[in-house]
Amino acid sequence: MKPLDLENRLIEFASRIIKLVEKLPNSSGAKHLGNQLLRSGTAPALNYGEAQAAESRVDFIHKMKICLKELRETSVNLKLIQKHPYYPNNKLVPIIKESLELIAIFTASTKTAIGKQNKA
């Protein structure tokens, strides 16, 4: 996957997260999860931008790991929202699927970068 394609995919994911959070009910639980989700769900796009400007391979790996951490947090948060009637499940499932696909991409990319670093 090209860096620009991944960046666009992360931006689209963040946009979907924002739309989801804006539609959550006004209950204390939904607000709490929504605030957490808004931070973790938009962070990967922003951190990936930083990774593209990394000053070294070590810096790149570090920033990619931050993206991965935020994606994992987002995935768990989406699953928590799924456990409650906060958002239609038929709309939530594709977002959860996308979070898992992004986790797989970042896991593979990080492993590749670490492998290249170890060979250097």
PDB file of N, CA and C in Angstrom:
ATOM      1  N   MET A   1       0.847  -1.183   0.000  1.00  0.00           N
ATOM      2  CA  MET A   1       0.000   0.000   0.000  1.00  0.00           C
ATOM      3  C   MET A   1       0.888   1.240   0.000  1.00  0.00           C
ATOM      4  N   LYS A   2       0.555   2.201  -0.850  1.00  0.00           N
ATOM      5  CA  LYS A   2       1.316   3.438  -0.949  1.00  0.00           C
ATOM      6  C   LYS A   2       1.041   4.306   0.275  1.00  0.00           C
ATOM      7  N   PRO A   3       2.043   5.072   0.725  1.00  0.00           N
ATOM      8  CA  PRO A   3       1.836   5.935   1.896  1.00  0.00           C
ATOM      9  C   PRO A   3       0.636   6.869   1.755  1.00  0.00           C
ATOM     10  N   LEU A   4       0.443   7.448   0.574  1.00  0.00           N
ATOM     11  CA  LEU A   4      -0.683   8.362   0.394  1.00  0.00           C
ATOM     12  C   LEU A   4      -2.018   7.623   0.483  1.00  0.00           C
ATOM     13  N   ASP A   5      -2.075   6.400  -0.043  1.00  0.00           N
ATOM     14  CA  ASP A   5      -3.301   5.598   0.065  1.00  0.00           C
ATOM     15  C   ASP A   5      -3.629   5.314   1.529  1.00  0.00           C
ATOM     16  N   LEU A   6      -2.609   4.965   2.302  1.00  0.00           N
ATOM     17  CA  LEU A   6      -2.824   4.680   3.725  1.00  0.00           C
ATOM     18  C   LEU A   6      -3.227   5.946   4.464  1.00  0.00           C
ATOM     19  N   GLU A   7      -2.587   7.048   4.143  1.00  0.00           N
ATOM     20  CA  GLU A   7      -2.957   8.318   4.772  1.00  0.00           C
ATOM     21  C   GLU A   7      -4.419   8.652   4.493  1.00  0.00           C
ATOM     22  N   ASN A   8      -4.832   8.512   3.246  1.00  0.00           N
ATOM     23  CA  ASN A   8      -6.227   8.789   2.891  1.00  0.00           C
ATOM     24  C   ASN A   8      -7.182   7.839   3.609  1.00  0.00           C
ATOM     25  N   ARG A   9      -6.787   6.600   3.735  1.00  0.00           N
ATOM     26  CA  ARG A   9      -7.617   5.618   4.436  1.00  0.00           C
ATOM     27  C   ARG A   9      -7.751   5.992   5.919  1.00  0.00           C
ATOM     28  N   LEU A  10      -6.663   6.448   6.523  1.00  0.00           N
ATOM     29  CA  LEU A  10      -6.701   6.872   7.924  1.00  0.00           C
ATOM     30  C   LEU A  10      -7.548   8.131   8.107  1.00  0.00           C
ATOM     31  N   ILE A  11      -7.471   9.034   7.160  1.00  0.00           N
ATOM     32  CA  ILE A  11      -8.289  10.244   7.227  1.00  0.00           C
ATOM     33  C   ILE A  11      -9.767   9.882   7.108  1.00  0.00           C
ATOM     34  N   GLU A  12     -10.092   8.989   6.197  1.00  0.00           N
ATOM     35  CA  GLU A  12     -11.479   8.534   6.056  1.00  0.00           C
ATOM     36  C   GLU A  12     -11.956   7.831   7.331  1.00  0.00           C
ATOM     37  N   PHE A  13     -11.087   7.007   7.919  1.00  0.00           N
ATOM     38  CA  PHE A  13     -11.424   6.324   9.166  1.00  0.00           C
ATOM     39  C   PHE A  13     -11.704   7.347  10.262  1.00  0.00           C
ATOM     40  N   ALA A  14     -10.842   8.347  10.389  1.00  0.00           N
ATOM     41  CA  ALA A  14     -11.023   9.386  11.413  1.00  0.00           C
ATOM     42  C   ALA A  14     -12.341  10.128  11.187  1.00  0.00           C
ATOM     43  N   SER A  15     -12.652  10.397   9.942  1.00  0.00           N
ATOM     44  CA  SER A  15     -13.905  11.075   9.621  1.00  0.00           C
ATOM     45  C   SER A  15     -15.116  10.228  10.036  1.00  0.00           C
ATOM     46  N   ARG A  16     -15.047   8.944   9.794  1.00  0.00           N
ATOM     47  CA  ARG A  16     -16.135   8.042  10.197  1.00  0.00           C
ATOM     48  C   ARG A  16     -16.280   8.010  11.722  1.00  0.00           C
ATOM     49  N   ILE A  17     -15.141   8.045  12.413  1.00  0.00           N
ATOM     50  CA  ILE A  17     -15.163   8.058  13.885  1.00  0.00           C
ATOM     51  C   ILE A  17     -15.835   9.335  14.379  1.00  0.00           C
ATOM     52  N   ILE A  18     -15.475  10.471  13.801  1.00  0.00           N
ATOM     53  CA  ILE A  18     -16.073  11.744  14.210  1.00  0.00           C
ATOM     54  C   ILE A  18     -17.592  11.700  14.013  1.00  0.00           C
ATOM     55  N   LYS A  19     -18.037  11.221  12.863  1.00  0.00           N
ATOM     56  CA  LYS A  19     -19.474  11.122  12.587  1.00  0.00           C
ATOM     57  C   LYS A  19     -20.166  10.206  13.596  1.00  0.00           C
ATOM     58  N   LEU A  20     -19.524   9.080  13.918  1.00  0.00           N
ATOM     59  CA  LEU A  20     -20.086   8.142  14.886  1.00  0.00           C
ATOM     60  C   LEU A  20     -20.239   8.814  16.246  1.00  0.00           C
ATOM     61  N   VAL A  21     -19.175   9.471  16.708  1.00  0.00           N
ATOM     62  CA  VAL A  21     -19.194  10.109  18.037  1.00  0.00           C
ATOM     63  C   VAL A  21     -20.278  11.178  18.104  1.00  0.00           C
ATOM     64  N   GLU A  22     -20.449  11.923  17.032  1.00  0.00           N
ATOM     65  CA  GLU A  22     -21.458  12.984  17.016  1.00  0.00           C
ATOM     66  C   GLU A  22     -22.884  12.434  17.101  1.00  0.00           C
ATOM     67  N   LYS A  23     -23.068  11.157  16.791  1.00  0.00           N
ATOM     68  CA  LYS A  23     -24.404  10.553  16.834  1.00  0.00           C
ATOM     69  C   LYS A  23     -24.660   9.739  18.098  1.00  0.00           C
ATOM     70  N   LEU A  24     -23.669   9.656  18.981  1.00  0.00           N
ATOM     71  CA  LEU A  24     -23.871   8.917  20.225  1.00  0.00           C
ATOM     72  C   LEU A  24     -24.849   9.668  21.121  1.00  0.00           C
ATOM     73  N   PRO A  25     -25.588   8.952  21.963  1.00  0.00           N
ATOM     74  CA  PRO A  25     -26.535   9.620  22.860  1.00  0.00           C
ATOM     75  C   PRO A  25     -25.805  10.473  23.907  1.00  0.00           C
ATOM     76  N   ASN A  26     -26.566  11.225  24.632  1.00  0.00           N
ATOM     77  CA  ASN A  26     -26.021  12.163  25.606  1.00  0.00           C
ATOM     78  C   ASN A  26     -25.856  11.544  26.998  1.00  0.00           C
ATOM     79  N   SER A  27     -25.845  10.230  27.111  1.00  0.00           N
ATOM     80  CA  SER A  27     -25.685   9.583  28.417  1.00  0.00           C
ATOM     81  C   SER A  27     -24.235   9.688  28.876  1.00  0.00           C
ATOM     82  N   SER A  28     -24.016   9.514  30.172  1.00  0.00           N
ATOM     83  CA  SER A  28     -22.656   9.649  30.707  1.00  0.00           C
ATOM     84  C   SER A  28     -21.718   8.577  30.144  1.00  0.00           C
ATOM     85  N   GLY A  29     -22.199   7.353  29.991  1.00  0.00           N
ATOM     86  CA  GLY A  29     -21.371   6.284  29.435  1.00  0.00           C
ATOM     87  C   GLY A  29     -21.010   6.541  27.981  1.00  0.00           C
ATOM     88  N   ALA A  30     -21.989   6.948  27.202  1.00  0.00           N
ATOM     89  CA  ALA A  30     -21.739   7.234  25.786  1.00  0.00           C
ATOM     90  C   ALA A  30     -20.812   8.431  25.626  1.00  0.00           C
ATOM     91  N   LYS A  31     -20.970   9.438  26.469  1.00  0.00           N
ATOM     92  CA  LYS A  31     -20.077  10.604  26.417  1.00  0.00           C
ATOM     93  C   LYS A  31     -18.640  10.203  26.718  1.00  0.00           C
ATOM     94  N   HIS A  32     -18.474   9.391  27.754  1.00  0.00           N
ATOM     95  CA  HIS A  32     -17.134   8.947  28.141  1.00  0.00           C
ATOM     96  C   HIS A  32     -16.476   8.165  27.003  1.00  0.00           C
ATOM     97  N   LEU A  33     -17.193   7.171  26.496  1.00  0.00           N
ATOM     98  CA  LEU A  33     -16.647   6.372  25.399  1.00  0.00           C
ATOM     99  C   LEU A  33     -16.425   7.228  24.150  1.00  0.00           C
ATOM    100  N   GLY A  34     -17.347   8.142  23.893  1.00  0.00           N
ATOM    101  CA  GLY A  34     -17.216   9.016  22.735  1.00  0.00           C
ATOM    102  C   GLY A  34     -15.980   9.900  22.805  1.00  0.00           C
ATOM    103  N   ASN A  35     -15.726  10.468  23.982  1.00  0.00           N
ATOM    104  CA  ASN A  35     -14.531  11.312  24.133  1.00  0.00           C
ATOM    105  C   ASN A  35     -13.258  10.507  23.929  1.00  0.00           C
ATOM    106  N   GLN A  36     -13.210   9.317  24.502  1.00  0.00           N
ATOM    107  CA  GLN A  36     -12.042   8.451  24.321  1.00  0.00           C
ATOM    108  C   GLN A  36     -11.886   8.063  22.853  1.00  0.00           C
ATOM    109  N   LEU A  37     -13.007   7.699  22.235  1.00  0.00           N
ATOM    110  CA  LEU A  37     -12.989   7.265  20.842  1.00  0.00           C
ATOM    111  C   LEU A  37     -12.566   8.402  19.912  1.00  0.00           C
ATOM    112  N   LEU A  38     -13.021   9.595  20.198  1.00  0.00           N
ATOM    113  CA  LEU A  38     -12.649  10.744  19.374  1.00  0.00           C
ATOM    114  C   LEU A  38     -11.135  10.949  19.391  1.00  0.00           C
ATOM    115  N   ARG A  39     -10.524  10.815  20.552  1.00  0.00           N
ATOM    116  CA  ARG A  39      -9.068  10.988  20.655  1.00  0.00           C
ATOM    117  C   ARG A  39      -8.325   9.843  19.967  1.00  0.00           C
ATOM    118  N   SER A  40      -8.671   8.605  20.337  1.00  0.00           N
ATOM    119  CA  SER A  40      -7.913   7.469  19.794  1.00  0.00           C
ATOM    120  C   SER A  40      -8.218   7.210  18.324  1.00  0.00           C
ATOM    121  N   GLY A  41      -9.421   7.517  17.891  1.00  0.00           N
ATOM    122  CA  GLY A  41      -9.816   7.236  16.515  1.00  0.00           C
ATOM    123  C   GLY A  41      -9.298   8.227  15.492  1.00  0.00           C
ATOM    124  N   THR A  42      -8.942   9.423  15.945  1.00  0.00           N
ATOM    125  CA  THR A  42      -8.381  10.417  15.033  1.00  0.00           C
ATOM    126  C   THR A  42      -6.857  10.462  15.127  1.00  0.00           C
ATOM    127  N   ALA A  43      -6.299   9.986  16.210  1.00  0.00           N
ATOM    128  CA  ALA A  43      -4.849  10.039  16.419  1.00  0.00           C
ATOM    129  C   ALA A  43      -4.026   9.290  15.373  1.00  0.00           C
ATOM    130  N   PRO A  44      -4.457   8.119  14.882  1.00  0.00           N
ATOM    131  CA  PRO A  44      -3.620   7.418  13.902  1.00  0.00           C
ATOM    132  C   PRO A  44      -3.330   8.237  12.639  1.00  0.00           C
ATOM    133  N   ALA A  45      -4.307   8.955  12.141  1.00  0.00           N
ATOM    134  CA  ALA A  45      -4.084   9.778  10.946  1.00  0.00           C
ATOM    135  C   ALA A  45      -3.045  10.859  11.235  1.00  0.00           C
ATOM    136  N   LEU A  46      -3.163  11.479  12.384  1.00  0.00           N
ATOM    137  CA  LEU A  46      -2.229  12.544  12.746  1.00  0.00           C
ATOM    138  C   LEU A  46      -0.829  11.997  12.993  1.00  0.00           C
ATOM    139  N   ASN A  47      -0.744  10.890  13.697  1.00  0.00           N
ATOM    140  CA  ASN A  47       0.566  10.297  13.980  1.00  0.00           C
ATOM    141  C   ASN A  47       1.213   9.704  12.739  1.00  0.00           C
ATOM    142  N   TYR A  48       0.410   9.222  11.811  1.00  0.00           N
ATOM    143  CA  TYR A  48       0.966   8.699  10.568  1.00  0.00           C
ATOM    144  C   TYR A  48       1.615   9.829   9.771  1.00  0.00           C
ATOM    145  N   GLY A  49       1.010  11.002   9.819  1.00  0.00           N
ATOM    146  CA  GLY A  49       1.623  12.167   9.188  1.00  0.00           C
ATOM    147  C   GLY A  49       2.993  12.447   9.780  1.00  0.00           C
ATOM    148  N   GLU A  50       3.105  12.311  11.096  1.00  0.00           N
ATOM    149  CA  GLU A  50       4.399  12.482  11.755  1.00  0.00           C
ATOM    150  C   GLU A  50       5.366  11.378  11.346  1.00  0.00           C
ATOM    151  N   ALA A  51       4.886  10.162  11.219  1.00  0.00           N
ATOM    152  CA  ALA A  51       5.751   9.041  10.827  1.00  0.00           C
ATOM    153  C   ALA A  51       6.349   9.280   9.435  1.00  0.00           C
ATOM    154  N   GLN A  52       5.569   9.882   8.560  1.00  0.00           N
ATOM    155  CA  GLN A  52       6.065  10.156   7.209  1.00  0.00           C
ATOM    156  C   GLN A  52       7.206  11.171   7.219  1.00  0.00           C
ATOM    157  N   ALA A  53       7.292  11.959   8.271  1.00  0.00           N
ATOM    158  CA  ALA A  53       8.368  12.949   8.392  1.00  0.00           C
ATOM    159  C   ALA A  53       9.398  12.520   9.439  1.00  0.00           C
ATOM    160  N   ALA A  54       9.443  11.241   9.739  1.00  0.00           N
ATOM    161  CA  ALA A  54      10.363  10.736  10.768  1.00  0.00           C
ATOM    162  C   ALA A  54      11.803  11.096  10.432  1.00  0.00           C
ATOM    163  N   GLU A  55      12.562  11.352  11.474  1.00  0.00           N
ATOM    164  CA  GLU A  55      13.957  11.754  11.302  1.00  0.00           C
ATOM    165  C   GLU A  55      14.904  10.570  11.176  1.00  0.00           C
ATOM    166  N   SER A  56      14.426   9.392  11.512  1.00  0.00           N
ATOM    167  CA  SER A  56      15.252   8.184  11.430  1.00  0.00           C
ATOM    168  C   SER A  56      14.331   6.973  11.383  1.00  0.00           C
ATOM    169  N   ARG A  57      14.903   5.813  11.103  1.00  0.00           N
ATOM    170  CA  ARG A  57      14.107   4.580  11.111  1.00  0.00           C
ATOM    171  C   ARG A  57      13.567   4.310  12.519  1.00  0.00           C
ATOM    172  N   VAL A  58      14.364   4.578  13.538  1.00  0.00           N
ATOM    173  CA  VAL A  58      13.914   4.378  14.927  1.00  0.00           C
ATOM    174  C   VAL A  58      12.726   5.287  15.216  1.00  0.00           C
ATOM    175  N   ASP A  59      12.805   6.541  14.788  1.00  0.00           N
ATOM    176  CA  ASP A  59      11.708   7.487  14.977  1.00  0.00           C
ATOM    177  C   ASP A  59      10.465   7.025  14.217  1.00  0.00           C
ATOM    178  N   PHE A  60      10.654   6.539  12.982  1.00  0.00           N
ATOM    179  CA  PHE A  60       9.538   6.027  12.183  1.00  0.00           C
ATOM    180  C   PHE A  60       8.852   4.866  12.900  1.00  0.00           C
ATOM    181  N   ILE A  61       9.639   3.919  13.378  1.00  0.00           N
ATOM    182  CA  ILE A  61       9.078   2.751  14.073  1.00  0.00           C
ATOM    183  C   ILE A  61       8.310   3.192  15.307  1.00  0.00           C
ATOM    184  N   HIS A  62       8.874   4.123  16.048  1.00  0.00           N
ATOM    185  CA  HIS A  62       8.210   4.626  17.264  1.00  0.00           C
ATOM    186  C   HIS A  62       6.842   5.230  16.922  1.00  0.00           C
ATOM    187  N   LYS A  63       6.798   6.058  15.896  1.00  0.00           N
ATOM    188  CA  LYS A  63       5.536   6.706  15.517  1.00  0.00           C
ATOM    189  C   LYS A  63       4.530   5.698  14.963  1.00  0.00           C
ATOM    190  N   MET A  64       5.010   4.705  14.233  1.00  0.00           N
ATOM    191  CA  MET A  64       4.119   3.649  13.730  1.00  0.00           C
ATOM    192  C   MET A  64       3.534   2.849  14.893  1.00  0.00           C
ATOM    193  N   LYS A  65       4.348   2.602  15.918  1.00  0.00           N
ATOM    194  CA  LYS A  65       3.849   1.885  17.097  1.00  0.00           C
ATOM    195  C   LYS A  65       2.796   2.709  17.838  1.00  0.00           C
ATOM    196  N   ILE A  66       2.951   4.021  17.838  1.00  0.00           N
ATOM    197  CA  ILE A  66       1.929   4.879  18.453  1.00  0.00           C
ATOM    198  C   ILE A  66       0.626   4.762  17.670  1.00  0.00           C
ATOM    199  N   CYS A  67       0.715   4.774  16.336  1.00  0.00           N
ATOM    200  CA  CYS A  67      -0.485   4.588  15.507  1.00  0.00           C
ATOM    201  C   CYS A  67      -1.159   3.259  15.845  1.00  0.00           C
ATOM    202  N   LEU A  68      -0.374   2.223  15.952  1.00  0.00           N
ATOM    203  CA  LEU A  68      -0.896   0.892  16.254  1.00  0.00           C
ATOM    204  C   LEU A  68      -1.572   0.866  17.622  1.00  0.00           C
ATOM    205  N   LYS A  69      -0.945   1.482  18.598  1.00  0.00           N
ATOM    206  CA  LYS A  69      -1.516   1.548  19.948  1.00  0.00           C
ATOM    207  C   LYS A  69      -2.881   2.248  19.921  1.00  0.00           C
ATOM    208  N   GLU A  70      -2.953   3.361  19.210  1.00  0.00           N
ATOM    209  CA  GLU A  70      -4.209   4.114  19.130  1.00  0.00           C
ATOM    210  C   GLU A  70      -5.287   3.324  18.378  1.00  0.00           C
ATOM    211  N   LEU A  71      -4.883   2.619  17.335  1.00  0.00           N
ATOM    212  CA  LEU A  71      -5.844   1.792  16.601  1.00  0.00           C
ATOM    213  C   LEU A  71      -6.394   0.662  17.472  1.00  0.00           C
ATOM    214  N   ARG A  72      -5.538   0.066  18.272  1.00  0.00           N
ATOM    215  CA  ARG A  72      -6.001  -1.008  19.170  1.00  0.00           C
ATOM    216  C   ARG A  72      -6.966  -0.453  20.214  1.00  0.00           C
ATOM    217  N   GLU A  73      -6.645   0.712  20.757  1.00  0.00           N
ATOM    218  CA  GLU A  73      -7.545   1.342  21.727  1.00  0.00           C
ATOM    219  C   GLU A  73      -8.891   1.649  21.074  1.00  0.00           C
ATOM    220  N   THR A  74      -8.850   2.145  19.861  1.00  0.00           N
ATOM    221  CA  THR A  74     -10.074   2.458  19.126  1.00  0.00           C
ATOM    222  C   THR A  74     -10.914   1.208  18.906  1.00  0.00           C
ATOM    223  N   SER A  75     -10.265   0.121  18.527  1.00  0.00           N
ATOM    224  CA  SER A  75     -10.971  -1.128  18.277  1.00  0.00           C
ATOM    225  C   SER A  75     -11.700  -1.620  19.523  1.00  0.00           C
ATOM    226  N   VAL A  76     -11.030  -1.571  20.651  1.00  0.00           N
ATOM    227  CA  VAL A  76     -11.665  -2.004  21.910  1.00  0.00           C
ATOM    228  C   VAL A  76     -12.820  -1.073  22.257  1.00  0.00           C
ATOM    229  N   ASN A  77     -12.619   0.215  22.073  1.00  0.00           N
ATOM    230  CA  ASN A  77     -13.669   1.181  22.365  1.00  0.00           C
ATOM    231  C   ASN A  77     -14.893   0.934  21.481  1.00  0.00           C
ATOM    232  N   LEU A  78     -14.664   0.661  20.199  1.00  0.00           N
ATOM    233  CA  LEU A  78     -15.790   0.356  19.302  1.00  0.00           C
ATOM    234  C   LEU A  78     -16.541  -0.887  19.754  1.00  0.00           C
ATOM    235  N   LYS A  79     -15.813  -1.870  20.235  1.00  0.00           N
ATOM    236  CA  LYS A  79     -16.459  -3.096  20.727  1.00  0.00           C
ATOM    237  C   LYS A  79     -17.258  -2.825  21.996  1.00  0.00           C
ATOM    238  N   LEU A  80     -16.783  -1.905  22.833  1.00  0.00           N
ATOM    239  CA  LEU A  80     -17.559  -1.509  24.023  1.00  0.00           C
ATOM    240  C   LEU A  80     -18.852  -0.810  23.609  1.00  0.00           C
ATOM    241  N   ILE A  81     -18.756   0.071  22.626  1.00  0.00           N
ATOM    242  CA  ILE A  81     -19.948   0.759  22.136  1.00  0.00           C
ATOM    243  C   ILE A  81     -20.929  -0.255  21.541  1.00  0.00           C
ATOM    244  N   GLN A  82     -20.390  -1.285  20.900  1.00  0.00           N
ATOM    245  CA  GLN A  82     -21.229  -2.327  20.304  1.00  0.00           C
ATOM    246  C   GLN A  82     -22.015  -3.086  21.375  1.00  0.00           C
ATOM    247  N   LYS A  83     -21.475  -3.188  22.575  1.00  0.00           N
ATOM    248  CA  LYS A  83     -22.140  -3.919  23.658  1.00  0.00           C
ATOM    249  C   LYS A  83     -23.354  -3.175  24.212  1.00  0.00           C
ATOM    250  N   HIS A  84     -23.487  -1.904  23.851  1.00  0.00           N
ATOM    251  CA  HIS A  84     -24.600  -1.090  24.333  1.00  0.00           C
ATOM    252  C   HIS A  84     -25.392  -0.590  23.128  1.00  0.00           C
ATOM    253  N   PRO A  85     -26.628  -0.237  23.322  1.00  0.00           N
ATOM    254  CA  PRO A  85     -27.444   0.220  22.188  1.00  0.00           C
ATOM    255  C   PRO A  85     -27.181   1.689  21.826  1.00  0.00           C
ATOM    256  N   TYR A  86     -25.907   2.074  21.796  1.00  0.00           N
ATOM    257  CA  TYR A  86     -25.560   3.465  21.522  1.00  0.00           C
ATOM    258  C   TYR A  86     -25.573   3.811  20.038  1.00  0.00           C
ATOM    259  N   TYR A  87     -25.349   2.840  19.174  1.00  0.00           N
ATOM    260  CA  TYR A  87     -25.155   3.102  17.742  1.00  0.00           C
ATOM    261  C   TYR A  87     -25.626   1.875  16.974  1.00  0.00           C
ATOM    262  N   PRO A  88     -26.263   2.042  15.819  1.00  0.00           N
ATOM    263  CA  PRO A  88     -26.764   0.888  15.067  1.00  0.00           C
ATOM    264  C   PRO A  88     -25.644  -0.097  14.711  1.00  0.00           C
ATOM    265  N   ASN A  89     -25.833  -1.349  15.071  1.00  0.00           N
ATOM    266  CA  ASN A  89     -24.805  -2.365  14.856  1.00  0.00           C
ATOM    267  C   ASN A  89     -24.437  -2.521  13.386  1.00  0.00           C
ATOM    268  N   ASN A  90     -25.421  -2.400  12.484  1.00  0.00           N
ATOM    269  CA  ASN A  90     -25.131  -2.559  11.056  1.00  0.00           C
ATOM    270  C   ASN A  90     -24.204  -1.455  10.532  1.00  0.00           C
ATOM    271  N   LYS A  91     -24.161  -0.317  11.210  1.00  0.00           N
ATOM    272  CA  LYS A  91     -23.241   0.763  10.831  1.00  0.00           C
ATOM    273  C   LYS A  91     -21.910   0.651  11.584  1.00  0.00           C
ATOM    274  N   LEU A  92     -21.948   0.013  12.740  1.00  0.00           N
ATOM    275  CA  LEU A  92     -20.759  -0.121  13.575  1.00  0.00           C
ATOM    276  C   LEU A  92     -19.839  -1.234  13.083  1.00  0.00           C
ATOM    277  N   VAL A  93     -20.397  -2.324  12.614  1.00  0.00           N
ATOM    278  CA  VAL A  93     -19.599  -3.479  12.177  1.00  0.00           C
ATOM    279  C   VAL A  93     -18.569  -3.113  11.104  1.00  0.00           C
ATOM    280  N   PRO A  94     -18.939  -2.341  10.063  1.00  0.00           N
ATOM    281  CA  PRO A  94     -17.925  -1.992   9.065  1.00  0.00           C
ATOM    282  C   PRO A  94     -16.779  -1.135   9.631  1.00  0.00           C
ATOM    283  N   ILE A  95     -17.075  -0.307  10.603  1.00  0.00           N
ATOM    284  CA  ILE A  95     -16.029   0.520  11.220  1.00  0.00           C
ATOM    285  C   ILE A  95     -15.102  -0.366  12.055  1.00  0.00           C
ATOM    286  N   ILE A  96     -15.668  -1.322  12.766  1.00  0.00           N
ATOM    287  CA  ILE A  96     -14.843  -2.271  13.528  1.00  0.00           C
ATOM    288  C   ILE A  96     -13.964  -3.070  12.572  1.00  0.00           C
ATOM    289  N   LYS A  97     -14.537  -3.508  11.469  1.00  0.00           N
ATOM    290  CA  LYS A  97     -13.769  -4.261  10.464  1.00  0.00           C
ATOM    291  C   LYS A  97     -12.601  -3.422   9.947  1.00  0.00           C
ATOM    292  N   GLU A  98     -12.863  -2.173   9.649  1.00  0.00           N
ATOM    293  CA  GLU A  98     -11.803  -1.286   9.164  1.00  0.00           C
ATOM    294  C   GLU A  98     -10.716  -1.103  10.225  1.00  0.00           C
ATOM    295  N   SER A  99     -11.112  -0.982  11.484  1.00  0.00           N
ATOM    296  CA  SER A  99     -10.106  -0.834  12.548  1.00  0.00           C
ATOM    297  C   SER A  99      -9.209  -2.068  12.613  1.00  0.00           C
ATOM    298  N   LEU A 100      -9.789  -3.239  12.451  1.00  0.00           N
ATOM    299  CA  LEU A 100      -9.002  -4.479  12.495  1.00  0.00           C
ATOM    300  C   LEU A 100      -8.079  -4.593  11.275  1.00  0.00           C
ATOM    301  N   GLU A 101      -8.558  -4.146  10.116  1.00  0.00           N
ATOM    302  CA  GLU A 101      -7.709  -4.162   8.923  1.00  0.00           C
ATOM    303  C   GLU A 101      -6.537  -3.184   9.077  1.00  0.00           C
ATOM    304  N   LEU A 102      -6.804  -2.017   9.628  1.00  0.00           N
ATOM    305  CA  LEU A 102      -5.734  -1.044   9.853  1.00  0.00           C
ATOM    306  C   LEU A 102      -4.719  -1.558  10.878  1.00  0.00           C
ATOM    307  N   ILE A 103      -5.200  -2.249  11.903  1.00  0.00           N
ATOM    308  CA  ILE A 103      -4.295  -2.849  12.879  1.00  0.00           C
ATOM    309  C   ILE A 103      -3.378  -3.851  12.178  1.00  0.00           C
ATOM    310  N   ALA A 104      -3.934  -4.671  11.310  1.00  0.00           N
ATOM    311  CA  ALA A 104      -3.131  -5.660  10.578  1.00  0.00           C
ATOM    312  C   ALA A 104      -2.088  -4.973   9.695  1.00  0.00           C
ATOM    313  N   ILE A 105      -2.470  -3.900   9.030  1.00  0.00           N
ATOM    314  CA  ILE A 105      -1.541  -3.160   8.164  1.00  0.00           C
ATOM    315  C   ILE A 105      -0.400  -2.572   8.996  1.00  0.00           C
ATOM    316  N   PHE A 106      -0.736  -1.945  10.103  1.00  0.00           N
ATOM    317  CA  PHE A 106       0.298  -1.313  10.928  1.00  0.00           C
ATOM    318  C   PHE A 106       1.170  -2.343  11.634  1.00  0.00           C
ATOM    319  N   THR A 107       0.603  -3.470  11.994  1.00  0.00           N
ATOM    320  CA  THR A 107       1.408  -4.547  12.585  1.00  0.00           C
ATOM    321  C   THR A 107       2.436  -5.034  11.573  1.00  0.00           C
ATOM    322  N   ALA A 108       2.001  -5.304  10.351  1.00  0.00           N
ATOM    323  CA  ALA A 108       2.912  -5.781   9.308  1.00  0.00           C
ATOM    324  C   ALA A 108       3.960  -4.729   8.957  1.00  0.00           C
ATOM    325  N   SER A 109       3.538  -3.484   8.833  1.00  0.00           N
ATOM    326  CA  SER A 109       4.479  -2.412   8.487  1.00  0.00           C
ATOM    327  C   SER A 109       5.535  -2.216   9.562  1.00  0.00           C
ATOM    328  N   THR A 110       5.114  -2.290  10.808  1.00  0.00           N
ATOM    329  CA  THR A 110       6.053  -2.123  11.920  1.00  0.00           C
ATOM    330  C   THR A 110       7.046  -3.282  11.954  1.00  0.00           C
ATOM    331  N   LYS A 111       6.551  -4.490  11.763  1.00  0.00           N
ATOM    332  CA  LYS A 111       7.445  -5.651  11.736  1.00  0.00           C
ATOM    333  C   LYS A 111       8.461  -5.545  10.593  1.00  0.00           C
ATOM    334  N   THR A 112       8.004  -5.091   9.432  1.00  0.00           N
ATOM    335  CA  THR A 112       8.906  -4.907   8.292  1.00  0.00           C
ATOM    336  C   THR A 112       9.973  -3.872   8.602  1.00  0.00           C
ATOM    337  N   ALA A 113       9.558  -2.763   9.171  1.00  0.00           N
ATOM    338  CA  ALA A 113      10.506  -1.696   9.505  1.00  0.00           C
ATOM    339  C   ALA A 113      11.514  -2.161  10.550  1.00  0.00           C
ATOM    340  N   ILE A 114      11.050  -2.929  11.524  1.00  0.00           N
ATOM    341  CA  ILE A 114      11.957  -3.452  12.554  1.00  0.00           C
ATOM    342  C   ILE A 114      12.939  -4.432  11.913  1.00  0.00           C
ATOM    343  N   GLY A 115      12.454  -5.275  11.001  1.00  0.00           N
ATOM    344  CA  GLY A 115      13.320  -6.219  10.307  1.00  0.00           C
ATOM    345  C   GLY A 115      14.400  -5.508   9.513  1.00  0.00           C
ATOM    346  N   LYS A 116      14.037  -4.435   8.829  1.00  0.00           N
ATOM    347  CA  LYS A 116      15.014  -3.646   8.059  1.00  0.00           C
ATOM    348  C   LYS A 116      16.025  -2.979   8.989  1.00  0.00           C
ATOM    349  N   GLN A 117      15.532  -2.525  10.144  1.00  0.00           N
ATOM    350  CA  GLN A 117      16.432  -1.870  11.105  1.00  0.00           C
ATOM    351  C   GLN A 117      17.449  -2.871  11.638  1.00  0.00           C
ATOM    352  N   ASN A 118      17.004  -4.091  11.909  1.00  0.00           N
ATOM    353  CA  ASN A 118      17.900  -5.124  12.456  1.00  0.00           C
ATOM    354  C   ASN A 118      18.943  -5.558  11.423  1.00  0.00           C
ATOM    355  N   LYS A 119      18.612  -5.466  10.134  1.00  0.00           N
ATOM    356  CA  LYS A 119      19.555  -5.845   9.079  1.00  0.00           C
ATOM    357  C   LYS A 119      20.579  -4.758   8.807  1.00  0.00           C
ATOM    358  N   ALA A 120      20.219  -3.518   9.173  1.00  0.00           N
ATOM    359  CA  ALA A 120      21.113  -2.383   8.882  1.00  0.00           C
ATOM    360  C   ALA A 120      22.297  -2.306   9.833  1.00  0.00           C
TER     361      ALA A 120
END
